[in-house]
């Protein structure tokens, strides 16, 4: 790809670089490392925001991106949708489709991200973990189907070797560490290298955070976050767990996989989305 390229990132904390801040608190993240290794003039703009949901992406971030006429756009969203009360895969799908449709109309190449399995890095009570995994799986299903519809490149985090190694995750166990962000940049580079001239991404040596620093970080950042999110997510989580137990009690003779089942999202041209709406999504 010749000439000046414009690389824009839309999305949430996974797009913004949470887990990889410099000494001044400024976020870097995988997009920063990837942009550094382009062997051509590049305009780089990260318009993402930690906490953003898919509605914010299409309503607020996308219009700003379209002004820049990006050659390449990353859209990383869905995790915050899944963590909110009233999660709707249909709304996520509609927002993501609208975002990708408008980006495709201006000729932008698109990259997407499918999420990891959160309970493998942050253990939760079994039932709550089941509910969370079901939601994350539904996000990934939406990303996979909409990405296929619009010809986007998709990086499946779960397919990255050794992805659950502790040094690849921030102390909050929700976001990649600096090392993890560099690994993501490396994998995005591998996806894009057939069409883009991008040098191999440099991976810095792993530095281990002192236990004292980890505890201080948790007290300063994680505790306020947990209190704020408890107002929304915790009551919903309790209701979801109760609902899960009811499902188990009323479906004793059914196969366990049937209780956890969530269907594949298919191309909207092949099947109406109404079929998916009736799927059991907690």
C-alpha atoms as a PDB file:
ATOM      1  CA  UNK A   1       0.000   0.000   0.000  1.00  0.00           C
ATOM      2  CA  UNK A   2       1.666   3.224  -1.187  1.00  0.00           C
ATOM      3  CA  UNK A   3       1.223   6.866  -0.189  1.00  0.00           C
ATOM      4  CA  UNK A   4       0.104   8.336   3.124  1.00  0.00           C
ATOM      5  CA  UNK A   5      -2.209   6.013   5.041  1.00  0.00           C
ATOM      6  CA  UNK A   6      -4.634   6.945   7.812  1.00  0.00           C
ATOM      7  CA  UNK A   7      -5.086   4.447  10.627  1.00  0.00           C
ATOM      8  CA  UNK A   8      -7.983   5.105  13.024  1.00  0.00           C
ATOM      9  CA  UNK A   9      -9.022   3.120  16.079  1.00  0.00           C
ATOM     10  CA  UNK A  10     -12.570   3.088  17.464  1.00  0.00           C
ATOM     11  CA  UNK A  11     -13.844   1.289  20.516  1.00  0.00           C
ATOM     12  CA  UNK A  12     -13.442   0.752  24.235  1.00  0.00           C
ATOM     13  CA  UNK A  13     -10.640   0.167  26.746  1.00  0.00           C
ATOM     14  CA  UNK A  14      -9.226  -2.744  24.748  1.00  0.00           C
ATOM     15  CA  UNK A  15      -8.804  -0.299  21.867  1.00  0.00           C
ATOM     16  CA  UNK A  16      -7.620   2.625  23.993  1.00  0.00           C
ATOM     17  CA  UNK A  17      -4.716   0.700  25.526  1.00  0.00           C
ATOM     18  CA  UNK A  18      -5.900   0.226  29.117  1.00  0.00           C
ATOM     19  CA  UNK A  19      -3.281  -1.824  30.943  1.00  0.00           C
ATOM     20  CA  UNK A  20      -0.398  -0.079  29.179  1.00  0.00           C
ATOM     21  CA  UNK A  21       0.084   3.432  30.532  1.00  0.00           C
ATOM     22  CA  UNK A  22       3.321   5.416  30.617  1.00  0.00           C
ATOM     23  CA  UNK A  23       4.666   7.162  33.747  1.00  0.00           C
ATOM     24  CA  UNK A  24       2.337  10.108  33.100  1.00  0.00           C
ATOM     25  CA  UNK A  25      -0.733   7.908  32.824  1.00  0.00           C
ATOM     26  CA  UNK A  26      -1.077   8.263  29.048  1.00  0.00           C
ATOM     27  CA  UNK A  27      -2.308   5.078  27.380  1.00  0.00           C
ATOM     28  CA  UNK A  28      -0.333   3.474  24.572  1.00  0.00           C
ATOM     29  CA  UNK A  29      -1.662   0.022  23.725  1.00  0.00           C
ATOM     30  CA  UNK A  30      -1.422  -2.282  20.746  1.00  0.00           C
ATOM     31  CA  UNK A  31      -2.497   0.408  18.244  1.00  0.00           C
ATOM     32  CA  UNK A  32       0.431   2.617  19.246  1.00  0.00           C
ATOM     33  CA  UNK A  33       2.927  -0.225  18.781  1.00  0.00           C
ATOM     34  CA  UNK A  34       1.415  -1.276  15.468  1.00  0.00           C
ATOM     35  CA  UNK A  35       1.445   2.289  14.121  1.00  0.00           C
ATOM     36  CA  UNK A  36       5.123   2.623  15.067  1.00  0.00           C
ATOM     37  CA  UNK A  37       6.074  -0.175  12.706  1.00  0.00           C
ATOM     38  CA  UNK A  38       4.437   1.017   9.467  1.00  0.00           C
ATOM     39  CA  UNK A  39       7.105   1.506   6.801  1.00  0.00           C
ATOM     40  CA  UNK A  40       5.216   4.350   5.136  1.00  0.00           C
ATOM     41  CA  UNK A  41       3.875   7.775   6.077  1.00  0.00           C
ATOM     42  CA  UNK A  42       1.015   7.259   8.488  1.00  0.00           C
ATOM     43  CA  UNK A  43      -1.619   9.409  10.156  1.00  0.00           C
ATOM     44  CA  UNK A  44      -2.627   7.667  13.395  1.00  0.00           C
ATOM     45  CA  UNK A  45      -5.697   8.624  15.451  1.00  0.00           C
ATOM     46  CA  UNK A  46      -7.071   6.640  18.384  1.00  0.00           C
ATOM     47  CA  UNK A  47     -10.630   7.855  19.009  1.00  0.00           C
ATOM     48  CA  UNK A  48     -11.579   5.097  21.442  1.00  0.00           C
ATOM     49  CA  UNK A  49     -12.555   5.606  25.079  1.00  0.00           C
ATOM     50  CA  UNK A  50     -12.411   3.234  28.054  1.00  0.00           C
ATOM     51  CA  UNK A  51     -15.962   2.294  28.998  1.00  0.00           C
ATOM     52  CA  UNK A  52     -17.417   2.922  25.550  1.00  0.00           C
ATOM     53  CA  UNK A  53     -20.254   0.737  24.332  1.00  0.00           C
ATOM     54  CA  UNK A  54     -21.250   0.050  20.740  1.00  0.00           C
ATOM     55  CA  UNK A  55     -23.837   2.837  20.675  1.00  0.00           C
ATOM     56  CA  UNK A  56     -21.181   5.410  21.535  1.00  0.00           C
ATOM     57  CA  UNK A  57     -18.960   4.040  18.797  1.00  0.00           C
ATOM     58  CA  UNK A  58     -21.545   4.463  16.050  1.00  0.00           C
ATOM     59  CA  UNK A  59     -23.060   7.732  17.335  1.00  0.00           C
ATOM     60  CA  UNK A  60     -20.013   9.627  18.590  1.00  0.00           C
ATOM     61  CA  UNK A  61     -16.733   8.044  17.499  1.00  0.00           C
ATOM     62  CA  UNK A  62     -17.638   7.023  13.951  1.00  0.00           C
ATOM     63  CA  UNK A  63     -18.570  10.534  12.669  1.00  0.00           C
ATOM     64  CA  UNK A  64     -15.175  11.806  13.837  1.00  0.00           C
ATOM     65  CA  UNK A  65     -13.451   8.909  12.104  1.00  0.00           C
ATOM     66  CA  UNK A  66     -15.262   9.498   8.816  1.00  0.00           C
ATOM     67  CA  UNK A  67     -13.923  13.065   8.709  1.00  0.00           C
ATOM     68  CA  UNK A  68     -10.410  11.569   8.658  1.00  0.00           C
ATOM     69  CA  UNK A  69     -11.295   9.205   5.791  1.00  0.00           C
ATOM     70  CA  UNK A  70      -9.299   6.310   7.256  1.00  0.00           C
ATOM     71  CA  UNK A  71      -7.521   3.864   4.989  1.00  0.00           C
ATOM     72  CA  UNK A  72      -7.481   1.330   7.823  1.00  0.00           C
ATOM     73  CA  UNK A  73      -9.859   1.231  10.788  1.00  0.00           C
ATOM     74  CA  UNK A  74      -9.878  -0.935  13.887  1.00  0.00           C
ATOM     75  CA  UNK A  75     -13.244  -1.372  15.612  1.00  0.00           C
ATOM     76  CA  UNK A  76     -12.842  -3.018  19.013  1.00  0.00           C
ATOM     77  CA  UNK A  77     -16.121  -3.054  20.931  1.00  0.00           C
ATOM     78  CA  UNK A  78     -18.583  -5.349  22.684  1.00  0.00           C
ATOM     79  CA  UNK A  79     -17.000  -6.082  26.049  1.00  0.00           C
ATOM     80  CA  UNK A  80     -18.725  -3.206  27.822  1.00  0.00           C
ATOM     81  CA  UNK A  81     -22.030  -4.045  26.147  1.00  0.00           C
ATOM     82  CA  UNK A  82     -21.780  -7.546  27.625  1.00  0.00           C
ATOM     83  CA  UNK A  83     -21.012  -6.210  31.111  1.00  0.00           C
ATOM     84  CA  UNK A  84     -24.107  -4.043  31.288  1.00  0.00           C
ATOM     85  CA  UNK A  85     -27.567  -4.835  32.523  1.00  0.00           C
ATOM     86  CA  UNK A  86     -29.934  -5.298  29.598  1.00  0.00           C
ATOM     87  CA  UNK A  87     -27.254  -6.604  27.227  1.00  0.00           C
ATOM     88  CA  UNK A  88     -28.702  -7.010  23.727  1.00  0.00           C
ATOM     89  CA  UNK A  89     -26.766  -8.936  21.053  1.00  0.00           C
ATOM     90  CA  UNK A  90     -29.197  -7.498  18.496  1.00  0.00           C
ATOM     91  CA  UNK A  91     -28.313  -3.918  19.472  1.00  0.00           C
ATOM     92  CA  UNK A  92     -24.614  -4.761  19.353  1.00  0.00           C
ATOM     93  CA  UNK A  93     -25.071  -6.306  15.915  1.00  0.00           C
ATOM     94  CA  UNK A  94     -27.043  -3.333  14.601  1.00  0.00           C
ATOM     95  CA  UNK A  95     -24.471  -0.842  15.892  1.00  0.00           C
ATOM     96  CA  UNK A  96     -21.518  -2.826  14.565  1.00  0.00           C
ATOM     97  CA  UNK A  97     -23.178  -3.313  11.169  1.00  0.00           C
ATOM     98  CA  UNK A  98     -23.898   0.406  10.882  1.00  0.00           C
ATOM     99  CA  UNK A  99     -20.302   1.223  11.821  1.00  0.00           C
ATOM    100  CA  UNK A 100     -18.746  -1.203   9.349  1.00  0.00           C
ATOM    101  CA  UNK A 101     -21.186  -0.293   6.587  1.00  0.00           C
ATOM    102  CA  UNK A 102     -20.236   3.386   6.713  1.00  0.00           C
ATOM    103  CA  UNK A 103     -16.536   2.598   6.888  1.00  0.00           C
ATOM    104  CA  UNK A 104     -16.832   0.308   3.887  1.00  0.00           C
ATOM    105  CA  UNK A 105     -18.651   3.028   1.953  1.00  0.00           C
ATOM    106  CA  UNK A 106     -15.528   5.193   2.119  1.00  0.00           C
ATOM    107  CA  UNK A 107     -13.286   2.264   1.202  1.00  0.00           C
ATOM    108  CA  UNK A 108     -11.673   1.672   4.591  1.00  0.00           C
ATOM    109  CA  UNK A 109     -10.073  -1.656   5.364  1.00  0.00           C
ATOM    110  CA  UNK A 110     -11.329  -2.961   8.733  1.00  0.00           C
ATOM    111  CA  UNK A 111      -9.862  -5.035  11.540  1.00  0.00           C
ATOM    112  CA  UNK A 112     -11.870  -6.503  14.426  1.00  0.00           C
ATOM    113  CA  UNK A 113     -11.095  -8.369  17.629  1.00  0.00           C
ATOM    114  CA  UNK A 114     -12.814 -11.362  19.210  1.00  0.00           C
ATOM    115  CA  UNK A 115     -12.512 -11.458  22.991  1.00  0.00           C
ATOM    116  CA  UNK A 116     -10.695 -13.916  25.228  1.00  0.00           C
ATOM    117  CA  UNK A 117     -12.451 -16.197  27.720  1.00  0.00           C
ATOM    118  CA  UNK A 118     -12.452 -13.992  30.842  1.00  0.00           C
ATOM    119  CA  UNK A 119     -12.819 -16.767  33.416  1.00  0.00           C
ATOM    120  CA  UNK A 120      -9.475 -18.248  32.363  1.00  0.00           C
ATOM    121  CA  UNK A 121      -7.615 -15.230  33.685  1.00  0.00           C
ATOM    122  CA  UNK A 122     -10.060 -13.975  36.355  1.00  0.00           C
ATOM    123  CA  UNK A 123     -11.739 -16.943  38.105  1.00  0.00           C
ATOM    124  CA  UNK A 124     -15.351 -16.361  39.105  1.00  0.00           C
ATOM    125  CA  UNK A 125     -18.013 -18.434  40.855  1.00  0.00           C
ATOM    126  CA  UNK A 126     -19.043 -21.168  38.444  1.00  0.00           C
ATOM    127  CA  UNK A 127     -22.564 -19.975  37.691  1.00  0.00           C
ATOM    128  CA  UNK A 128     -21.583 -16.334  37.288  1.00  0.00           C
ATOM    129  CA  UNK A 129     -18.682 -17.413  35.101  1.00  0.00           C
ATOM    130  CA  UNK A 130     -21.085 -19.392  32.928  1.00  0.00           C
ATOM    131  CA  UNK A 131     -23.303 -16.353  32.465  1.00  0.00           C
ATOM    132  CA  UNK A 132     -20.329 -14.105  31.637  1.00  0.00           C
ATOM    133  CA  UNK A 133     -18.831 -16.586  29.184  1.00  0.00           C
ATOM    134  CA  UNK A 134     -22.180 -16.915  27.435  1.00  0.00           C
ATOM    135  CA  UNK A 135     -22.341 -13.158  26.985  1.00  0.00           C
ATOM    136  CA  UNK A 136     -18.762 -12.925  25.722  1.00  0.00           C
ATOM    137  CA  UNK A 137     -19.391 -15.812  23.342  1.00  0.00           C
ATOM    138  CA  UNK A 138     -22.399 -13.955  21.953  1.00  0.00           C
ATOM    139  CA  UNK A 139     -20.245 -10.843  21.426  1.00  0.00           C
ATOM    140  CA  UNK A 140     -17.727 -12.951  19.538  1.00  0.00           C
ATOM    141  CA  UNK A 141     -20.492 -14.483  17.447  1.00  0.00           C
ATOM    142  CA  UNK A 142     -21.704 -11.017  16.459  1.00  0.00           C
ATOM    143  CA  UNK A 143     -18.166  -9.891  15.598  1.00  0.00           C
ATOM    144  CA  UNK A 144     -17.554 -13.013  13.532  1.00  0.00           C
ATOM    145  CA  UNK A 145     -20.792 -12.730  11.546  1.00  0.00           C
ATOM    146  CA  UNK A 146     -20.698  -8.971  10.918  1.00  0.00           C
ATOM    147  CA  UNK A 147     -16.991  -9.134  10.133  1.00  0.00           C
ATOM    148  CA  UNK A 148     -17.586 -11.857   7.557  1.00  0.00           C
ATOM    149  CA  UNK A 149     -20.438  -9.857   6.026  1.00  0.00           C
ATOM    150  CA  UNK A 150     -18.237  -6.824   5.413  1.00  0.00           C
ATOM    151  CA  UNK A 151     -14.970  -8.608   4.671  1.00  0.00           C
ATOM    152  CA  UNK A 152     -13.167  -7.443   7.807  1.00  0.00           C
ATOM    153  CA  UNK A 153     -10.014  -9.010   9.203  1.00  0.00           C
ATOM    154  CA  UNK A 154     -10.653 -10.643  12.576  1.00  0.00           C
ATOM    155  CA  UNK A 155      -8.108 -11.459  15.259  1.00  0.00           C
ATOM    156  CA  UNK A 156      -9.400 -14.153  17.612  1.00  0.00           C
ATOM    157  CA  UNK A 157      -7.594 -13.581  20.908  1.00  0.00           C
ATOM    158  CA  UNK A 158      -8.338 -17.133  22.040  1.00  0.00           C
ATOM    159  CA  UNK A 159      -6.267 -18.485  19.137  1.00  0.00           C
ATOM    160  CA  UNK A 160      -3.079 -16.671  20.193  1.00  0.00           C
ATOM    161  CA  UNK A 161      -0.587 -19.185  21.670  1.00  0.00           C
ATOM    162  CA  UNK A 162      -0.095 -18.878  25.433  1.00  0.00           C
ATOM    163  CA  UNK A 163      -2.590 -16.019  25.522  1.00  0.00           C
ATOM    164  CA  UNK A 164      -3.519 -16.732  29.148  1.00  0.00           C
ATOM    165  CA  UNK A 165       0.029 -16.496  30.474  1.00  0.00           C
ATOM    166  CA  UNK A 166      -0.161 -14.139  33.458  1.00  0.00           C
ATOM    167  CA  UNK A 167       2.541 -11.777  32.167  1.00  0.00           C
ATOM    168  CA  UNK A 168       0.317 -10.902  29.215  1.00  0.00           C
ATOM    169  CA  UNK A 169      -2.382  -9.453  31.479  1.00  0.00           C
ATOM    170  CA  UNK A 170      -2.600  -6.326  33.548  1.00  0.00           C
ATOM    171  CA  UNK A 171      -2.986  -6.537  37.322  1.00  0.00           C
ATOM    172  CA  UNK A 172      -6.757  -5.983  36.896  1.00  0.00           C
ATOM    173  CA  UNK A 173      -6.914  -9.322  34.991  1.00  0.00           C
ATOM    174  CA  UNK A 174      -9.286  -7.747  32.498  1.00  0.00           C
ATOM    175  CA  UNK A 175      -6.954  -5.937  30.107  1.00  0.00           C
ATOM    176  CA  UNK A 176      -3.669  -6.830  28.408  1.00  0.00           C
ATOM    177  CA  UNK A 177      -0.432  -5.713  30.040  1.00  0.00           C
ATOM    178  CA  UNK A 178       2.177  -3.821  28.017  1.00  0.00           C
ATOM    179  CA  UNK A 179       3.550  -7.204  26.978  1.00  0.00           C
ATOM    180  CA  UNK A 180       0.032  -8.352  26.045  1.00  0.00           C
ATOM    181  CA  UNK A 181      -0.617  -5.235  23.966  1.00  0.00           C
ATOM    182  CA  UNK A 182       2.645  -5.801  22.093  1.00  0.00           C
ATOM    183  CA  UNK A 183       1.598  -9.397  21.418  1.00  0.00           C
ATOM    184  CA  UNK A 184      -1.729  -8.122  20.029  1.00  0.00           C
ATOM    185  CA  UNK A 185       0.140  -5.644  17.817  1.00  0.00           C
ATOM    186  CA  UNK A 186       2.336  -8.459  16.576  1.00  0.00           C
ATOM    187  CA  UNK A 187      -0.684 -10.586  15.670  1.00  0.00           C
ATOM    188  CA  UNK A 188      -2.476  -7.705  13.932  1.00  0.00           C
ATOM    189  CA  UNK A 189       0.720  -7.070  12.002  1.00  0.00           C
ATOM    190  CA  UNK A 190       0.742 -10.703  10.829  1.00  0.00           C
ATOM    191  CA  UNK A 191      -2.853 -10.324   9.601  1.00  0.00           C
ATOM    192  CA  UNK A 192      -2.143  -7.076   7.733  1.00  0.00           C
ATOM    193  CA  UNK A 193       1.352  -7.787   6.364  1.00  0.00           C
ATOM    194  CA  UNK A 194       0.173  -9.347   3.062  1.00  0.00           C
ATOM    195  CA  UNK A 195      -1.237  -5.929   2.043  1.00  0.00           C
ATOM    196  CA  UNK A 196       0.674  -3.489   4.216  1.00  0.00           C
ATOM    197  CA  UNK A 197       4.400  -2.863   4.631  1.00  0.00           C
ATOM    198  CA  UNK A 198       4.739  -3.258   8.394  1.00  0.00           C
ATOM    199  CA  UNK A 199       7.958  -4.214  10.139  1.00  0.00           C
ATOM    200  CA  UNK A 200       7.901  -6.990  12.758  1.00  0.00           C
ATOM    201  CA  UNK A 201       6.684  -5.598  16.068  1.00  0.00           C
ATOM    202  CA  UNK A 202       9.369  -5.292  18.732  1.00  0.00           C
ATOM    203  CA  UNK A 203       8.514  -7.089  21.976  1.00  0.00           C
ATOM    204  CA  UNK A 204      10.078  -5.554  25.091  1.00  0.00           C
ATOM    205  CA  UNK A 205      11.351  -7.785  27.900  1.00  0.00           C
ATOM    206  CA  UNK A 206       8.694  -8.595  30.469  1.00  0.00           C
ATOM    207  CA  UNK A 207       8.894  -6.574  33.686  1.00  0.00           C
ATOM    208  CA  UNK A 208       7.214  -7.929  36.804  1.00  0.00           C
ATOM    209  CA  UNK A 209       5.172  -5.516  38.898  1.00  0.00           C
ATOM    210  CA  UNK A 210       6.080  -5.567  42.566  1.00  0.00           C
ATOM    211  CA  UNK A 211       3.391  -7.000  44.847  1.00  0.00           C
ATOM    212  CA  UNK A 212       3.181  -3.707  46.751  1.00  0.00           C
ATOM    213  CA  UNK A 213       2.633  -1.778  43.513  1.00  0.00           C
ATOM    214  CA  UNK A 214      -0.088  -4.225  42.493  1.00  0.00           C
ATOM    215  CA  UNK A 215      -1.923  -3.795  45.794  1.00  0.00           C
ATOM    216  CA  UNK A 216      -1.663  -0.010  45.569  1.00  0.00           C
ATOM    217  CA  UNK A 217      -3.009  -0.090  42.021  1.00  0.00           C
ATOM    218  CA  UNK A 218      -5.955  -2.245  43.073  1.00  0.00           C
ATOM    219  CA  UNK A 219      -6.821   0.082  45.948  1.00  0.00           C
ATOM    220  CA  UNK A 220      -6.490   3.224  43.847  1.00  0.00           C
ATOM    221  CA  UNK A 221      -8.189   2.085  40.664  1.00  0.00           C
ATOM    222  CA  UNK A 222      -9.981  -1.265  40.977  1.00  0.00           C
ATOM    223  CA  UNK A 223     -11.938  -0.536  44.158  1.00  0.00           C
ATOM    224  CA  UNK A 224     -13.657   2.646  42.858  1.00  0.00           C
ATOM    225  CA  UNK A 225     -14.389   0.852  39.578  1.00  0.00           C
ATOM    226  CA  UNK A 226     -15.934  -2.091  41.412  1.00  0.00           C
ATOM    227  CA  UNK A 227     -18.111   0.142  43.582  1.00  0.00           C
ATOM    228  CA  UNK A 228     -19.341   2.082  40.553  1.00  0.00           C
ATOM    229  CA  UNK A 229     -20.007  -1.033  38.489  1.00  0.00           C
ATOM    230  CA  UNK A 230     -21.746  -2.788  41.376  1.00  0.00           C
ATOM    231  CA  UNK A 231     -24.589  -0.286  41.133  1.00  0.00           C
ATOM    232  CA  UNK A 232     -25.293  -1.549  37.619  1.00  0.00           C
ATOM    233  CA  UNK A 233     -23.790  -4.988  37.160  1.00  0.00           C
ATOM    234  CA  UNK A 234     -23.959  -6.645  40.575  1.00  0.00           C
ATOM    235  CA  UNK A 235     -27.775  -6.580  40.966  1.00  0.00           C
ATOM    236  CA  UNK A 236     -28.094  -7.794  37.402  1.00  0.00           C
ATOM    237  CA  UNK A 237     -25.520 -10.517  38.046  1.00  0.00           C
ATOM    238  CA  UNK A 238     -27.461 -11.784  41.054  1.00  0.00           C
ATOM    239  CA  UNK A 239     -30.645 -11.959  38.993  1.00  0.00           C
ATOM    240  CA  UNK A 240     -28.795 -13.761  36.199  1.00  0.00           C
ATOM    241  CA  UNK A 241     -27.333 -16.297  38.617  1.00  0.00           C
ATOM    242  CA  UNK A 242     -30.793 -16.982  40.062  1.00  0.00           C
ATOM    243  CA  UNK A 243     -32.124 -17.405  36.552  1.00  0.00           C
ATOM    244  CA  UNK A 244     -29.325 -19.829  35.751  1.00  0.00           C
ATOM    245  CA  UNK A 245     -30.169 -21.991  38.761  1.00  0.00           C
ATOM    246  CA  UNK A 246     -33.816 -22.010  37.711  1.00  0.00           C
ATOM    247  CA  UNK A 247     -32.776 -23.170  34.230  1.00  0.00           C
ATOM    248  CA  UNK A 248     -30.677 -25.950  35.725  1.00  0.00           C
ATOM    249  CA  UNK A 249     -33.491 -27.101  38.025  1.00  0.00           C
ATOM    250  CA  UNK A 250     -36.108 -27.062  35.247  1.00  0.00           C
ATOM    251  CA  UNK A 251     -33.861 -28.782  32.698  1.00  0.00           C
ATOM    252  CA  UNK A 252     -32.316 -31.540  34.772  1.00  0.00           C
ATOM    253  CA  UNK A 253     -32.740 -34.153  32.099  1.00  0.00           C
ATOM    254  CA  UNK A 254     -31.337 -32.073  29.310  1.00  0.00           C
ATOM    255  CA  UNK A 255     -27.778 -32.156  28.119  1.00  0.00           C
ATOM    256  CA  UNK A 256     -25.636 -29.507  29.856  1.00  0.00           C
ATOM    257  CA  UNK A 257     -24.488 -28.134  26.520  1.00  0.00           C
ATOM    258  CA  UNK A 258     -28.072 -27.380  25.619  1.00  0.00           C
ATOM    259  CA  UNK A 259     -28.405 -25.146  28.679  1.00  0.00           C
ATOM    260  CA  UNK A 260     -25.290 -23.203  27.686  1.00  0.00           C
ATOM    261  CA  UNK A 261     -26.107 -23.145  24.006  1.00  0.00           C
ATOM    262  CA  UNK A 262     -25.903 -19.941  22.014  1.00  0.00           C
ATOM    263  CA  UNK A 263     -26.397 -20.144  18.230  1.00  0.00           C
ATOM    264  CA  UNK A 264     -24.032 -18.954  15.552  1.00  0.00           C
ATOM    265  CA  UNK A 265     -25.003 -15.636  14.045  1.00  0.00           C
ATOM    266  CA  UNK A 266     -25.372 -16.033  10.303  1.00  0.00           C
ATOM    267  CA  UNK A 267     -25.178 -13.621   7.401  1.00  0.00           C
ATOM    268  CA  UNK A 268     -28.311 -11.463   7.519  1.00  0.00           C
ATOM    269  CA  UNK A 269     -28.951 -12.251   3.867  1.00  0.00           C
ATOM    270  CA  UNK A 270     -29.226 -15.937   4.710  1.00  0.00           C
ATOM    271  CA  UNK A 271     -31.459 -15.701   7.749  1.00  0.00           C
ATOM    272  CA  UNK A 272     -33.592 -13.099   9.452  1.00  0.00           C
ATOM    273  CA  UNK A 273     -32.198 -11.871  12.738  1.00  0.00           C
ATOM    274  CA  UNK A 274     -35.556 -12.548  14.379  1.00  0.00           C
ATOM    275  CA  UNK A 275     -34.487 -16.173  14.548  1.00  0.00           C
ATOM    276  CA  UNK A 276     -31.613 -15.218  16.826  1.00  0.00           C
ATOM    277  CA  UNK A 277     -33.637 -12.981  19.091  1.00  0.00           C
ATOM    278  CA  UNK A 278     -35.251 -16.004  20.716  1.00  0.00           C
ATOM    279  CA  UNK A 279     -31.893 -17.478  21.716  1.00  0.00           C
ATOM    280  CA  UNK A 280     -31.258 -17.738  25.408  1.00  0.00           C
ATOM    281  CA  UNK A 281     -28.850 -14.944  26.238  1.00  0.00           C
ATOM    282  CA  UNK A 282     -28.540 -14.007  29.885  1.00  0.00           C
END
